[in-house]
Amino acid sequence: MTFKYDQIETIPAGTEFLLSKIGHRGFYYPDENNIVTLPDELTIKRVSWTCGSNKYSSYQVEASKIEMFNSPVNVIWINKE
């Protein structure tokens, strides 16, 4: 399967996603204990980050938008299913 990175997408309100956490060697990983439901539609950009699993896709969010979730990292993870 081929993915197009840096492509702008819009995800609808009600989408569940994971915030990032700092993990092994300072890399960011999906925080499965921090599931968030998006209150409003959000514009995101697909990035090529991996998490050691094929379960999630990574997306970059504008810093001003991620602040509402109290996350210092502007990358979110959405379940591919």
C-alpha atoms as a PDB file:
ATOM      1  CA  MET A   1       0.000   0.000   0.000  1.00  0.00           C
ATOM      2  CA  THR A   2       1.354   3.426  -0.931  1.00  0.00           C
ATOM      3  CA  PHE A   3       0.642   6.476   1.216  1.00  0.00           C
ATOM      4  CA  LYS A   4       0.800  10.103   0.159  1.00  0.00           C
ATOM      5  CA  TYR A   5       2.580  12.086   2.837  1.00  0.00           C
ATOM      6  CA  ASP A   6       2.198  15.829   3.281  1.00  0.00           C
ATOM      7  CA  GLN A   7      -1.297  15.567   1.848  1.00  0.00           C
ATOM      8  CA  ILE A   8      -3.842  17.824   3.555  1.00  0.00           C
ATOM      9  CA  GLU A   9      -6.981  16.054   4.794  1.00  0.00           C
ATOM     10  CA  THR A  10     -10.001  16.976   6.876  1.00  0.00           C
ATOM     11  CA  ILE A  11     -11.251  14.686   9.618  1.00  0.00           C
ATOM     12  CA  PRO A  12     -14.825  15.011  10.845  1.00  0.00           C
ATOM     13  CA  ALA A  13     -16.019  15.876  14.326  1.00  0.00           C
ATOM     14  CA  GLY A  14     -16.455  12.756  16.436  1.00  0.00           C
ATOM     15  CA  THR A  15     -13.286  11.067  15.157  1.00  0.00           C
ATOM     16  CA  GLU A  16     -11.306   9.347  17.915  1.00  0.00           C
ATOM     17  CA  PHE A  17      -7.536   9.702  17.930  1.00  0.00           C
ATOM     18  CA  LEU A  18      -4.560   9.303  20.228  1.00  0.00           C
ATOM     19  CA  LEU A  19      -2.239  12.029  21.404  1.00  0.00           C
ATOM     20  CA  SER A  20       1.527  11.432  21.359  1.00  0.00           C
ATOM     21  CA  LYS A  21       3.760  10.467  24.256  1.00  0.00           C
ATOM     22  CA  ILE A  22       7.534  10.387  24.580  1.00  0.00           C
ATOM     23  CA  GLY A  23       8.879   6.866  24.407  1.00  0.00           C
ATOM     24  CA  HIS A  24      12.059   4.900  23.742  1.00  0.00           C
ATOM     25  CA  ARG A  25      15.069   7.112  22.899  1.00  0.00           C
ATOM     26  CA  GLY A  26      12.922  10.242  22.979  1.00  0.00           C
ATOM     27  CA  PHE A  27      10.762   9.279  20.009  1.00  0.00           C
ATOM     28  CA  TYR A  28       7.052  10.031  20.012  1.00  0.00           C
ATOM     29  CA  TYR A  29       4.534   7.209  20.050  1.00  0.00           C
ATOM     30  CA  PRO A  30       0.730   6.969  20.217  1.00  0.00           C
ATOM     31  CA  ASP A  31      -0.493   7.145  23.801  1.00  0.00           C
ATOM     32  CA  GLU A  32      -3.135   4.409  23.996  1.00  0.00           C
ATOM     33  CA  ASN A  33      -4.122   5.728  27.433  1.00  0.00           C
ATOM     34  CA  ASN A  34      -4.984   9.134  26.005  1.00  0.00           C
ATOM     35  CA  ILE A  35      -7.854   8.683  23.529  1.00  0.00           C
ATOM     36  CA  VAL A  36      -9.516  11.920  22.469  1.00  0.00           C
ATOM     37  CA  THR A  37     -12.738  12.543  20.542  1.00  0.00           C
ATOM     38  CA  LEU A  38     -12.512  15.448  18.147  1.00  0.00           C
ATOM     39  CA  PRO A  39     -15.148  18.081  19.004  1.00  0.00           C
ATOM     40  CA  ASP A  40     -14.968  19.886  15.636  1.00  0.00           C
ATOM     41  CA  GLU A  41     -13.803  19.168  12.110  1.00  0.00           C
ATOM     42  CA  LEU A  42     -10.008  19.464  11.827  1.00  0.00           C
ATOM     43  CA  THR A  43      -7.557  19.934   8.957  1.00  0.00           C
ATOM     44  CA  ILE A  44      -4.499  17.680   9.266  1.00  0.00           C
ATOM     45  CA  LYS A  45      -1.445  16.638   7.257  1.00  0.00           C
ATOM     46  CA  ARG A  46      -0.278  13.026   6.913  1.00  0.00           C
ATOM     47  CA  VAL A  47       3.320  12.547   8.107  1.00  0.00           C
ATOM     48  CA  SER A  48       5.667   9.592   7.746  1.00  0.00           C
ATOM     49  CA  TRP A  49       6.131   8.831  11.449  1.00  0.00           C
ATOM     50  CA  THR A  50       5.904   5.201  12.489  1.00  0.00           C
ATOM     51  CA  CYS A  51       5.136   3.720  15.869  1.00  0.00           C
ATOM     52  CA  GLY A  52       6.336   0.132  15.687  1.00  0.00           C
ATOM     53  CA  SER A  53       2.847  -0.993  14.721  1.00  0.00           C
ATOM     54  CA  ASN A  54       0.751  -0.796  11.584  1.00  0.00           C
ATOM     55  CA  LYS A  55      -2.311  -0.019  13.660  1.00  0.00           C
ATOM     56  CA  TYR A  56      -2.111   3.810  13.505  1.00  0.00           C
ATOM     57  CA  SER A  57      -1.448   6.523  10.929  1.00  0.00           C
ATOM     58  CA  SER A  58       0.299   9.717  12.030  1.00  0.00           C
ATOM     59  CA  TYR A  59      -0.906  13.229  11.259  1.00  0.00           C
ATOM     60  CA  GLN A  60       0.440  16.684  11.985  1.00  0.00           C
ATOM     61  CA  VAL A  61      -1.949  19.240  13.438  1.00  0.00           C
ATOM     62  CA  GLU A  62      -1.448  23.002  13.612  1.00  0.00           C
ATOM     63  CA  ALA A  63       0.140  23.886  16.956  1.00  0.00           C
ATOM     64  CA  SER A  64      -2.697  26.292  17.793  1.00  0.00           C
ATOM     65  CA  LYS A  65      -5.258  23.499  17.324  1.00  0.00           C
ATOM     66  CA  ILE A  66      -3.460  20.849  19.415  1.00  0.00           C
ATOM     67  CA  GLU A  67      -3.242  23.216  22.402  1.00  0.00           C
ATOM     68  CA  MET A  68      -6.915  22.543  23.201  1.00  0.00           C
ATOM     69  CA  PHE A  69      -5.871  18.987  24.111  1.00  0.00           C
ATOM     70  CA  ASN A  70      -2.973  20.065  26.366  1.00  0.00           C
ATOM     71  CA  SER A  71      -0.465  18.216  24.216  1.00  0.00           C
ATOM     72  CA  PRO A  72       3.073  19.553  23.694  1.00  0.00           C
ATOM     73  CA  VAL A  73       3.382  17.496  20.486  1.00  0.00           C
ATOM     74  CA  ASN A  74       1.404  18.389  17.372  1.00  0.00           C
ATOM     75  CA  VAL A  75       1.240  14.840  15.974  1.00  0.00           C
ATOM     76  CA  ILE A  76      -1.854  12.708  16.497  1.00  0.00           C
ATOM     77  CA  TRP A  77      -2.463   9.046  15.700  1.00  0.00           C
ATOM     78  CA  ILE A  78      -5.614   7.713  14.053  1.00  0.00           C
ATOM     79  CA  ASN A  79      -6.545   4.046  13.967  1.00  0.00           C
ATOM     80  CA  LYS A  80      -6.312   2.766  10.381  1.00  0.00           C
ATOM     81  CA  GLU A  81      -9.421   0.597  10.732  1.00  0.00           C
END
